[in-house]
PDB file of all heavy atoms in Angstrom:
ATOM      1  N   GLU A   1     -11.676  -8.970  -0.835  1.00  0.00           N
ATOM      2  CA  GLU A   1     -12.641  -8.165  -0.093  1.00  0.00           C
ATOM      3  C   GLU A   1     -12.208  -8.070   1.379  1.00  0.00           C
ATOM      4  O   GLU A   1     -11.506  -9.009   1.867  1.00  0.00           O
ATOM      5  CB  GLU A   1     -14.056  -8.694  -0.150  1.00  0.00           C
ATOM      6  CG  GLU A   1     -14.279 -10.022   0.541  1.00  0.00           C
ATOM      7  CD  GLU A   1     -15.746 -10.466   0.624  1.00  0.00           C
ATOM      8  OE1 GLU A   1     -16.596  -9.732   0.058  1.00  0.00           O
ATOM      9  OE2 GLU A   1     -16.033 -11.500   1.158  1.00  0.00           O
ATOM     10  N   HIS A   2     -12.610  -7.010   2.037  1.00  0.00           N
ATOM     11  CA  HIS A   2     -12.374  -6.881   3.484  1.00  0.00           C
ATOM     12  C   HIS A   2     -13.706  -6.460   4.142  1.00  0.00           C
ATOM     13  O   HIS A   2     -14.237  -5.351   3.865  1.00  0.00           O
ATOM     14  CB  HIS A   2     -11.279  -5.826   3.736  1.00  0.00           C
ATOM     15  CG  HIS A   2     -11.097  -5.557   5.146  1.00  0.00           C
ATOM     16  ND1 HIS A   2     -10.833  -4.286   5.652  1.00  0.00           N
ATOM     17  CD2 HIS A   2     -11.168  -6.405   6.258  1.00  0.00           C
ATOM     18  CE1 HIS A   2     -10.672  -4.377   6.976  1.00  0.00           C
ATOM     19  NE2 HIS A   2     -10.870  -5.639   7.354  1.00  0.00           N
ATOM     20  N   ILE A   3     -14.274  -7.299   4.935  1.00  0.00           N
ATOM     21  CA  ILE A   3     -15.478  -7.021   5.666  1.00  0.00           C
ATOM     22  C   ILE A   3     -15.045  -6.535   7.076  1.00  0.00           C
ATOM     23  O   ILE A   3     -14.175  -7.140   7.697  1.00  0.00           O
ATOM     24  CB  ILE A   3     -16.394  -8.240   5.780  1.00  0.00           C
ATOM     25  CG1 ILE A   3     -16.830  -8.655   4.363  1.00  0.00           C
ATOM     26  CG2 ILE A   3     -17.625  -7.946   6.631  1.00  0.00           C
ATOM     27  CD1 ILE A   3     -17.601  -9.909   4.317  1.00  0.00           C
ATOM     28  N   ASP A   4     -15.716  -5.454   7.545  1.00  0.00           N
ATOM     29  CA  ASP A   4     -15.328  -4.850   8.816  1.00  0.00           C
ATOM     30  C   ASP A   4     -15.339  -5.884   9.950  1.00  0.00           C
ATOM     31  O   ASP A   4     -16.312  -6.621  10.122  1.00  0.00           O
ATOM     32  CB  ASP A   4     -16.308  -3.697   9.138  1.00  0.00           C
ATOM     33  CG  ASP A   4     -15.813  -2.858  10.237  1.00  0.00           C
ATOM     34  OD1 ASP A   4     -14.595  -2.754  10.426  1.00  0.00           O
ATOM     35  OD2 ASP A   4     -16.639  -2.207  10.911  1.00  0.00           O
ATOM     36  N   GLY A   5     -14.233  -5.922  10.679  1.00  0.00           N
ATOM     37  CA  GLY A   5     -14.140  -6.867  11.785  1.00  0.00           C
ATOM     38  C   GLY A   5     -13.627  -8.211  11.432  1.00  0.00           C
ATOM     39  O   GLY A   5     -13.407  -9.088  12.335  1.00  0.00           O
ATOM     40  N   GLN A   6     -13.319  -8.421  10.141  1.00  0.00           N
ATOM     41  CA  GLN A   6     -12.778  -9.756   9.680  1.00  0.00           C
ATOM     42  C   GLN A   6     -11.456  -9.494   8.910  1.00  0.00           C
ATOM     43  O   GLN A   6     -11.295  -8.416   8.364  1.00  0.00           O
ATOM     44  CB  GLN A   6     -13.744 -10.428   8.807  1.00  0.00           C
ATOM     45  CG  GLN A   6     -15.095 -10.733   9.438  1.00  0.00           C
ATOM     46  CD  GLN A   6     -16.068 -11.423   8.452  1.00  0.00           C
ATOM     47  OE1 GLN A   6     -15.616 -11.955   7.487  1.00  0.00           O
ATOM     48  NE2 GLN A   6     -17.372 -11.380   8.817  1.00  0.00           N
ATOM     49  N   PRO A   7     -10.627 -10.483   8.871  1.00  0.00           N
ATOM     50  CA  PRO A   7      -9.434 -10.309   8.019  1.00  0.00           C
ATOM     51  C   PRO A   7      -9.807 -10.317   6.509  1.00  0.00           C
ATOM     52  O   PRO A   7     -10.769 -10.959   6.130  1.00  0.00           O
ATOM     53  CB  PRO A   7      -8.587 -11.529   8.393  1.00  0.00           C
ATOM     54  CG  PRO A   7      -9.540 -12.551   8.884  1.00  0.00           C
ATOM     55  CD  PRO A   7     -10.641 -11.780   9.613  1.00  0.00           C
ATOM     56  N   ALA A   8      -9.079  -9.506   5.748  1.00  0.00           N
ATOM     57  CA  ALA A   8      -9.333  -9.514   4.300  1.00  0.00           C
ATOM     58  C   ALA A   8      -9.035 -10.881   3.716  1.00  0.00           C
ATOM     59  O   ALA A   8      -8.190 -11.650   4.251  1.00  0.00           O
ATOM     60  CB  ALA A   8      -8.411  -8.449   3.675  1.00  0.00           C
ATOM     61  N   ARG A   9      -9.666 -11.175   2.593  1.00  0.00           N
ATOM     62  CA  ARG A   9      -9.435 -12.456   1.917  1.00  0.00           C
ATOM     63  C   ARG A   9      -9.532 -12.306   0.389  1.00  0.00           C
ATOM     64  O   ARG A   9     -10.143 -11.395  -0.098  1.00  0.00           O
ATOM     65  CB  ARG A   9     -10.500 -13.488   2.355  1.00  0.00           C
ATOM     66  CG  ARG A   9     -11.928 -13.124   1.981  1.00  0.00           C
ATOM     67  CD  ARG A   9     -12.869 -14.309   2.235  1.00  0.00           C
ATOM     68  NE  ARG A   9     -14.211 -13.947   1.787  1.00  0.00           N
ATOM     69  CZ  ARG A   9     -15.122 -14.862   1.442  1.00  0.00           C
ATOM     70  NH1 ARG A   9     -14.809 -16.177   1.522  1.00  0.00           N
ATOM     71  NH2 ARG A   9     -16.343 -14.512   1.113  1.00  0.00           N
ATOM     72  N   VAL A  10      -8.836 -13.213  -0.260  1.00  0.00           N
ATOM     73  CA  VAL A  10      -8.876 -13.226  -1.757  1.00  0.00           C
ATOM     74  C   VAL A  10     -10.063 -14.048  -2.172  1.00  0.00           C
ATOM     75  O   VAL A  10     -10.259 -15.179  -1.671  1.00  0.00           O
ATOM     76  CB  VAL A  10      -7.539 -13.789  -2.319  1.00  0.00           C
ATOM     77  CG1 VAL A  10      -7.670 -13.955  -3.830  1.00  0.00           C
ATOM     78  CG2 VAL A  10      -6.381 -12.852  -2.012  1.00  0.00           C
ATOM     79  N   LEU A  11     -10.865 -13.503  -3.110  1.00  0.00           N
ATOM     80  CA  LEU A  11     -12.012 -14.234  -3.638  1.00  0.00           C
ATOM     81  C   LEU A  11     -11.664 -15.077  -4.849  1.00  0.00           C
ATOM     82  O   LEU A  11     -12.288 -16.075  -5.127  1.00  0.00           O
ATOM     83  CB  LEU A  11     -13.142 -13.228  -3.983  1.00  0.00           C
ATOM     84  CG  LEU A  11     -13.657 -12.389  -2.841  1.00  0.00           C
ATOM     85  CD1 LEU A  11     -14.704 -11.424  -3.340  1.00  0.00           C
ATOM     86  CD2 LEU A  11     -14.224 -13.277  -1.761  1.00  0.00           C
ATOM     87  N   GLY A  12     -10.679 -14.640  -5.608  1.00  0.00           N
ATOM     88  CA  GLY A  12     -10.341 -15.342  -6.805  1.00  0.00           C
ATOM     89  C   GLY A  12      -9.550 -14.459  -7.778  1.00  0.00           C
ATOM     90  O   GLY A  12      -9.052 -13.390  -7.380  1.00  0.00           O
ATOM     91  N   VAL A  13      -9.427 -14.944  -8.979  1.00  0.00           N
ATOM     92  CA  VAL A  13      -8.576 -14.284 -10.025  1.00  0.00           C
ATOM     93  C   VAL A  13      -9.392 -14.141 -11.311  1.00  0.00           C
ATOM     94  O   VAL A  13     -10.086 -15.025 -11.718  1.00  0.00           O
ATOM     95  CB  VAL A  13      -7.323 -15.075 -10.275  1.00  0.00           C
ATOM     96  CG1 VAL A  13      -6.418 -14.356 -11.273  1.00  0.00           C
ATOM     97  CG2 VAL A  13      -6.553 -15.332  -8.971  1.00  0.00           C
ATOM     98  N   VAL A  14      -9.230 -12.957 -11.937  1.00  0.00           N
ATOM     99  CA  VAL A  14      -9.845 -12.706 -13.236  1.00  0.00           C
ATOM    100  C   VAL A  14      -8.735 -12.986 -14.282  1.00  0.00           C
ATOM    101  O   VAL A  14      -7.615 -12.431 -14.186  1.00  0.00           O
ATOM    102  CB  VAL A  14     -10.354 -11.265 -13.412  1.00  0.00           C
ATOM    103  CG1 VAL A  14     -10.965 -11.084 -14.761  1.00  0.00           C
ATOM    104  CG2 VAL A  14     -11.384 -10.989 -12.308  1.00  0.00           C
ATOM    105  N   HIS A  15      -9.058 -13.809 -15.281  1.00  0.00           N
ATOM    106  CA  HIS A  15      -8.108 -14.151 -16.357  1.00  0.00           C
ATOM    107  C   HIS A  15      -8.258 -13.172 -17.504  1.00  0.00           C
ATOM    108  O   HIS A  15      -9.279 -13.167 -18.142  1.00  0.00           O
ATOM    109  CB  HIS A  15      -8.307 -15.584 -16.805  1.00  0.00           C
ATOM    110  CG  HIS A  15      -7.338 -16.025 -17.821  1.00  0.00           C
ATOM    111  ND1 HIS A  15      -7.369 -17.273 -18.432  1.00  0.00           N
ATOM    112  CD2 HIS A  15      -6.282 -15.409 -18.447  1.00  0.00           C
ATOM    113  CE1 HIS A  15      -6.402 -17.403 -19.313  1.00  0.00           C
ATOM    114  NE2 HIS A  15      -5.737 -16.231 -19.361  1.00  0.00           N
ATOM    115  N   LEU A  16      -7.235 -12.312 -17.720  1.00  0.00           N
ATOM    116  CA  LEU A  16      -7.213 -11.460 -18.875  1.00  0.00           C
ATOM    117  C   LEU A  16      -6.282 -12.088 -19.935  1.00  0.00           C
ATOM    118  O   LEU A  16      -5.218 -12.622 -19.591  1.00  0.00           O
ATOM    119  CB  LEU A  16      -6.719 -10.080 -18.498  1.00  0.00           C
ATOM    120  CG  LEU A  16      -7.495  -9.177 -17.560  1.00  0.00           C
ATOM    121  CD1 LEU A  16      -6.733  -7.842 -17.361  1.00  0.00           C
ATOM    122  CD2 LEU A  16      -8.873  -8.941 -18.069  1.00  0.00           C
ATOM    123  N   LYS A  17      -6.661 -11.918 -21.154  1.00  0.00           N
ATOM    124  CA  LYS A  17      -5.801 -12.445 -22.214  1.00  0.00           C
ATOM    125  C   LYS A  17      -5.911 -11.521 -23.447  1.00  0.00           C
ATOM    126  O   LYS A  17      -6.890 -10.882 -23.667  1.00  0.00           O
ATOM    127  CB  LYS A  17      -6.155 -13.915 -22.528  1.00  0.00           C
ATOM    128  CG  LYS A  17      -7.514 -14.071 -23.211  1.00  0.00           C
ATOM    129  CD  LYS A  17      -7.677 -15.508 -23.706  1.00  0.00           C
ATOM    130  CE  LYS A  17      -6.760 -15.838 -24.834  1.00  0.00           C
ATOM    131  NZ  LYS A  17      -7.018 -17.185 -25.438  1.00  0.00           N
ATOM    132  N   ASP A  18      -4.820 -11.573 -24.200  1.00  0.00           N
ATOM    133  CA  ASP A  18      -4.858 -10.952 -25.556  1.00  0.00           C
ATOM    134  C   ASP A  18      -5.671 -11.885 -26.418  1.00  0.00           C
ATOM    135  O   ASP A  18      -5.259 -13.008 -26.724  1.00  0.00           O
ATOM    136  CB  ASP A  18      -3.434 -10.799 -26.116  1.00  0.00           C
ATOM    137  CG  ASP A  18      -2.696  -9.623 -25.548  1.00  0.00           C
ATOM    138  OD1 ASP A  18      -3.408  -8.627 -25.249  1.00  0.00           O
ATOM    139  OD2 ASP A  18      -1.509  -9.663 -25.355  1.00  0.00           O
ATOM    140  N   VAL A  19      -6.797 -11.409 -26.879  1.00  0.00           N
ATOM    141  CA  VAL A  19      -7.748 -12.295 -27.642  1.00  0.00           C
ATOM    142  C   VAL A  19      -7.261 -12.303 -29.081  1.00  0.00           C
ATOM    143  O   VAL A  19      -7.200 -11.285 -29.764  1.00  0.00           O
ATOM    144  CB  VAL A  19      -9.175 -11.793 -27.532  1.00  0.00           C
ATOM    145  CG1 VAL A  19     -10.069 -12.665 -28.369  1.00  0.00           C
ATOM    146  CG2 VAL A  19      -9.577 -11.782 -26.084  1.00  0.00           C
ATOM    147  N   VAL A  20      -6.892 -13.500 -29.611  1.00  0.00           N
ATOM    148  CA  VAL A  20      -6.485 -13.674 -30.962  1.00  0.00           C
ATOM    149  C   VAL A  20      -7.723 -13.525 -31.826  1.00  0.00           C
ATOM    150  O   VAL A  20      -8.827 -14.059 -31.556  1.00  0.00           O
ATOM    151  CB  VAL A  20      -5.837 -15.036 -31.165  1.00  0.00           C
ATOM    152  CG1 VAL A  20      -5.559 -15.297 -32.645  1.00  0.00           C
ATOM    153  CG2 VAL A  20      -4.558 -15.122 -30.390  1.00  0.00           C
ATOM    154  N   LYS A  21      -7.601 -12.754 -32.941  1.00  0.00           N
ATOM    155  CA  LYS A  21      -8.733 -12.498 -33.817  1.00  0.00           C
ATOM    156  C   LYS A  21      -9.241 -13.831 -34.434  1.00  0.00           C
ATOM    157  O   LYS A  21      -8.455 -14.691 -34.775  1.00  0.00           O
ATOM    158  CB  LYS A  21      -8.362 -11.519 -34.899  1.00  0.00           C
ATOM    159  CG  LYS A  21      -8.057 -10.126 -34.369  1.00  0.00           C
ATOM    160  CD  LYS A  21      -7.794  -9.157 -35.473  1.00  0.00           C
ATOM    161  CE  LYS A  21      -7.576  -7.741 -34.909  1.00  0.00           C
ATOM    162  NZ  LYS A  21      -7.315  -6.724 -35.928  1.00  0.00           N
ATOM    163  N   ALA A  22     -10.553 -13.873 -34.537  1.00  0.00           N
ATOM    164  CA  ALA A  22     -11.243 -15.098 -35.051  1.00  0.00           C
ATOM    165  C   ALA A  22     -10.747 -15.457 -36.456  1.00  0.00           C
ATOM    166  O   ALA A  22     -10.627 -14.562 -37.352  1.00  0.00           O
ATOM    167  CB  ALA A  22     -12.704 -14.922 -35.037  1.00  0.00           C
ATOM    168  N   GLY A  23     -10.441 -16.746 -36.702  1.00  0.00           N
ATOM    169  CA  GLY A  23     -10.132 -17.179 -38.039  1.00  0.00           C
ATOM    170  C   GLY A  23      -8.714 -16.898 -38.512  1.00  0.00           C
ATOM    171  O   GLY A  23      -8.326 -17.230 -39.645  1.00  0.00           O
ATOM    172  N   ILE A  24      -7.899 -16.279 -37.586  1.00  0.00           N
ATOM    173  CA  ILE A  24      -6.604 -15.876 -38.081  1.00  0.00           C
ATOM    174  C   ILE A  24      -5.681 -17.084 -38.287  1.00  0.00           C
ATOM    175  O   ILE A  24      -4.737 -17.048 -39.168  1.00  0.00           O
ATOM    176  CB  ILE A  24      -5.960 -14.860 -37.076  1.00  0.00           C
ATOM    177  CG1 ILE A  24      -4.869 -14.055 -37.803  1.00  0.00           C
ATOM    178  CG2 ILE A  24      -5.437 -15.536 -35.809  1.00  0.00           C
ATOM    179  CD1 ILE A  24      -4.466 -12.838 -37.043  1.00  0.00           C
ATOM    180  N   ARG A  25      -5.829 -18.138 -37.529  1.00  0.00           N
ATOM    181  CA  ARG A  25      -4.988 -19.297 -37.711  1.00  0.00           C
ATOM    182  C   ARG A  25      -5.147 -19.912 -39.090  1.00  0.00           C
ATOM    183  O   ARG A  25      -4.195 -20.321 -39.764  1.00  0.00           O
ATOM    184  CB  ARG A  25      -5.242 -20.385 -36.611  1.00  0.00           C
ATOM    185  CG  ARG A  25      -4.268 -21.520 -36.655  1.00  0.00           C
ATOM    186  CD  ARG A  25      -4.583 -22.531 -35.561  1.00  0.00           C
ATOM    187  NE  ARG A  25      -3.485 -23.519 -35.503  1.00  0.00           N
ATOM    188  CZ  ARG A  25      -2.467 -23.465 -34.725  1.00  0.00           C
ATOM    189  NH1 ARG A  25      -2.340 -22.413 -33.928  1.00  0.00           N
ATOM    190  NH2 ARG A  25      -1.517 -24.411 -34.763  1.00  0.00           N
ATOM    191  N   GLU A  26      -6.399 -20.017 -39.547  1.00  0.00           N
ATOM    192  CA  GLU A  26      -6.644 -20.553 -40.868  1.00  0.00           C
ATOM    193  C   GLU A  26      -6.058 -19.675 -41.963  1.00  0.00           C
ATOM    194  O   GLU A  26      -5.536 -20.159 -42.987  1.00  0.00           O
ATOM    195  CB  GLU A  26      -8.146 -20.704 -41.077  1.00  0.00           C
ATOM    196  CG  GLU A  26      -8.893 -21.751 -40.247  1.00  0.00           C
ATOM    197  CD  GLU A  26      -9.031 -21.372 -38.807  1.00  0.00           C
ATOM    198  OE1 GLU A  26      -8.883 -20.120 -38.474  1.00  0.00           O
ATOM    199  OE2 GLU A  26      -9.246 -22.232 -37.936  1.00  0.00           O
ATOM    200  N   ARG A  27      -6.085 -18.365 -41.746  1.00  0.00           N
ATOM    201  CA  ARG A  27      -5.495 -17.486 -42.759  1.00  0.00           C
ATOM    202  C   ARG A  27      -3.966 -17.627 -42.782  1.00  0.00           C
ATOM    203  O   ARG A  27      -3.373 -17.560 -43.890  1.00  0.00           O
ATOM    204  CB  ARG A  27      -5.876 -16.020 -42.435  1.00  0.00           C
ATOM    205  CG  ARG A  27      -7.377 -15.724 -42.351  1.00  0.00           C
ATOM    206  CD  ARG A  27      -8.141 -16.138 -43.582  1.00  0.00           C
ATOM    207  NE  ARG A  27      -7.799 -15.427 -44.762  1.00  0.00           N
ATOM    208  CZ  ARG A  27      -8.319 -14.261 -45.128  1.00  0.00           C
ATOM    209  NH1 ARG A  27      -9.238 -13.672 -44.383  1.00  0.00           N
ATOM    210  NH2 ARG A  27      -7.961 -13.694 -46.283  1.00  0.00           N
ATOM    211  N   PHE A  28      -3.336 -17.836 -41.663  1.00  0.00           N
ATOM    212  CA  PHE A  28      -1.910 -18.066 -41.660  1.00  0.00           C
ATOM    213  C   PHE A  28      -1.537 -19.362 -42.297  1.00  0.00           C
ATOM    214  O   PHE A  28      -0.486 -19.478 -42.953  1.00  0.00           O
ATOM    215  CB  PHE A  28      -1.364 -18.024 -40.220  1.00  0.00           C
ATOM    216  CG  PHE A  28      -1.307 -16.659 -39.625  1.00  0.00           C
ATOM    217  CD1 PHE A  28      -1.363 -16.423 -38.254  1.00  0.00           C
ATOM    218  CD2 PHE A  28      -1.190 -15.529 -40.433  1.00  0.00           C
ATOM    219  CE1 PHE A  28      -1.310 -15.167 -37.701  1.00  0.00           C
ATOM    220  CE2 PHE A  28      -1.116 -14.274 -39.933  1.00  0.00           C
ATOM    221  CZ  PHE A  28      -1.198 -14.070 -38.545  1.00  0.00           C
ATOM    222  N   ASP A  29      -2.416 -20.371 -42.161  1.00  0.00           N
ATOM    223  CA  ASP A  29      -2.194 -21.638 -42.897  1.00  0.00           C
ATOM    224  C   ASP A  29      -2.216 -21.404 -44.393  1.00  0.00           C
ATOM    225  O   ASP A  29      -1.425 -21.987 -45.153  1.00  0.00           O
ATOM    226  CB  ASP A  29      -3.261 -22.680 -42.487  1.00  0.00           C
ATOM    227  CG  ASP A  29      -3.072 -23.142 -41.062  1.00  0.00           C
ATOM    228  OD1 ASP A  29      -1.975 -23.041 -40.510  1.00  0.00           O
ATOM    229  OD2 ASP A  29      -4.086 -23.662 -40.503  1.00  0.00           O
ATOM    230  N   GLU A  30      -3.081 -20.526 -44.830  1.00  0.00           N
ATOM    231  CA  GLU A  30      -3.205 -20.210 -46.235  1.00  0.00           C
ATOM    232  C   GLU A  30      -1.941 -19.469 -46.720  1.00  0.00           C
ATOM    233  O   GLU A  30      -1.434 -19.764 -47.806  1.00  0.00           O
ATOM    234  CB  GLU A  30      -4.464 -19.362 -46.502  1.00  0.00           C
ATOM    235  CG  GLU A  30      -4.744 -19.161 -47.981  1.00  0.00           C
ATOM    236  CD  GLU A  30      -6.070 -18.435 -48.201  1.00  0.00           C
ATOM    237  OE1 GLU A  30      -6.894 -18.345 -47.236  1.00  0.00           O
ATOM    238  OE2 GLU A  30      -6.279 -17.974 -49.308  1.00  0.00           O
ATOM    239  N   LEU A  31      -1.449 -18.527 -45.930  1.00  0.00           N
ATOM    240  CA  LEU A  31      -0.193 -17.850 -46.266  1.00  0.00           C
ATOM    241  C   LEU A  31       0.969 -18.853 -46.393  1.00  0.00           C
ATOM    242  O   LEU A  31       1.776 -18.763 -47.271  1.00  0.00           O
ATOM    243  CB  LEU A  31       0.138 -16.809 -45.198  1.00  0.00           C
ATOM    244  CG  LEU A  31      -0.640 -15.494 -45.234  1.00  0.00           C
ATOM    245  CD1 LEU A  31      -0.403 -14.709 -43.997  1.00  0.00           C
ATOM    246  CD2 LEU A  31      -0.279 -14.692 -46.493  1.00  0.00           C
ATOM    247  N   ARG A  32       0.989 -19.895 -45.519  1.00  0.00           N
ATOM    248  CA  ARG A  32       2.067 -20.836 -45.526  1.00  0.00           C
ATOM    249  C   ARG A  32       1.976 -21.641 -46.868  1.00  0.00           C
ATOM    250  O   ARG A  32       2.980 -21.959 -47.470  1.00  0.00           O
ATOM    251  CB  ARG A  32       1.895 -21.800 -44.338  1.00  0.00           C
ATOM    252  CG  ARG A  32       3.168 -22.573 -44.006  1.00  0.00           C
ATOM    253  CD  ARG A  32       2.991 -23.301 -42.655  1.00  0.00           C
ATOM    254  NE  ARG A  32       2.946 -22.363 -41.556  1.00  0.00           N
ATOM    255  CZ  ARG A  32       1.863 -22.149 -40.851  1.00  0.00           C
ATOM    256  NH1 ARG A  32       0.714 -22.743 -41.106  1.00  0.00           N
ATOM    257  NH2 ARG A  32       1.905 -21.260 -39.850  1.00  0.00           N
ATOM    258  N   ARG A  33       0.759 -21.977 -47.287  1.00  0.00           N
ATOM    259  CA  ARG A  33       0.589 -22.682 -48.570  1.00  0.00           C
ATOM    260  C   ARG A  33       1.070 -21.847 -49.768  1.00  0.00           C
ATOM    261  O   ARG A  33       1.451 -22.372 -50.792  1.00  0.00           O
ATOM    262  CB  ARG A  33      -0.851 -23.096 -48.795  1.00  0.00           C
ATOM    263  CG  ARG A  33      -1.323 -24.262 -47.858  1.00  0.00           C
ATOM    264  CD  ARG A  33      -2.628 -24.811 -48.325  1.00  0.00           C
ATOM    265  NE  ARG A  33      -3.695 -23.856 -48.188  1.00  0.00           N
ATOM    266  CZ  ARG A  33      -4.413 -23.706 -47.066  1.00  0.00           C
ATOM    267  NH1 ARG A  33      -4.175 -24.455 -45.970  1.00  0.00           N
ATOM    268  NH2 ARG A  33      -5.394 -22.827 -46.981  1.00  0.00           N
ATOM    269  N   MET A  34       1.028 -20.505 -49.583  1.00  0.00           N
ATOM    270  CA  MET A  34       1.462 -19.594 -50.646  1.00  0.00           C
ATOM    271  C   MET A  34       2.950 -19.372 -50.605  1.00  0.00           C
ATOM    272  O   MET A  34       3.505 -18.622 -51.401  1.00  0.00           O
ATOM    273  CB  MET A  34       0.765 -18.271 -50.536  1.00  0.00           C
ATOM    274  CG  MET A  34      -0.774 -18.373 -50.734  1.00  0.00           C
ATOM    275  SD  MET A  34      -1.661 -16.878 -50.240  1.00  0.00           S
ATOM    276  CE  MET A  34      -1.108 -15.728 -51.466  1.00  0.00           C
ATOM    277  N   GLY A  35       3.643 -20.044 -49.638  1.00  0.00           N
ATOM    278  CA  GLY A  35       5.074 -19.958 -49.503  1.00  0.00           C
ATOM    279  C   GLY A  35       5.563 -18.721 -48.723  1.00  0.00           C
ATOM    280  O   GLY A  35       6.734 -18.310 -48.905  1.00  0.00           O
ATOM    281  N   ILE A  36       4.705 -18.134 -47.958  1.00  0.00           N
ATOM    282  CA  ILE A  36       5.009 -16.951 -47.177  1.00  0.00           C
ATOM    283  C   ILE A  36       5.259 -17.310 -45.698  1.00  0.00           C
ATOM    284  O   ILE A  36       4.394 -17.976 -45.067  1.00  0.00           O
ATOM    285  CB  ILE A  36       3.906 -15.875 -47.300  1.00  0.00           C
ATOM    286  CG1 ILE A  36       3.753 -15.458 -48.752  1.00  0.00           C
ATOM    287  CG2 ILE A  36       4.192 -14.692 -46.392  1.00  0.00           C
ATOM    288  CD1 ILE A  36       2.587 -14.533 -48.999  1.00  0.00           C
TER     289      ILE A  36
END
């Protein structure tokens, strides 16, 4: 942000991420048990 009459400043950072679909790790474990 930059307020008039003051130097601009950083307030912080927003963390964006590729959200892994829920339960997918367990399904991949099942595929591994099937030999895939």
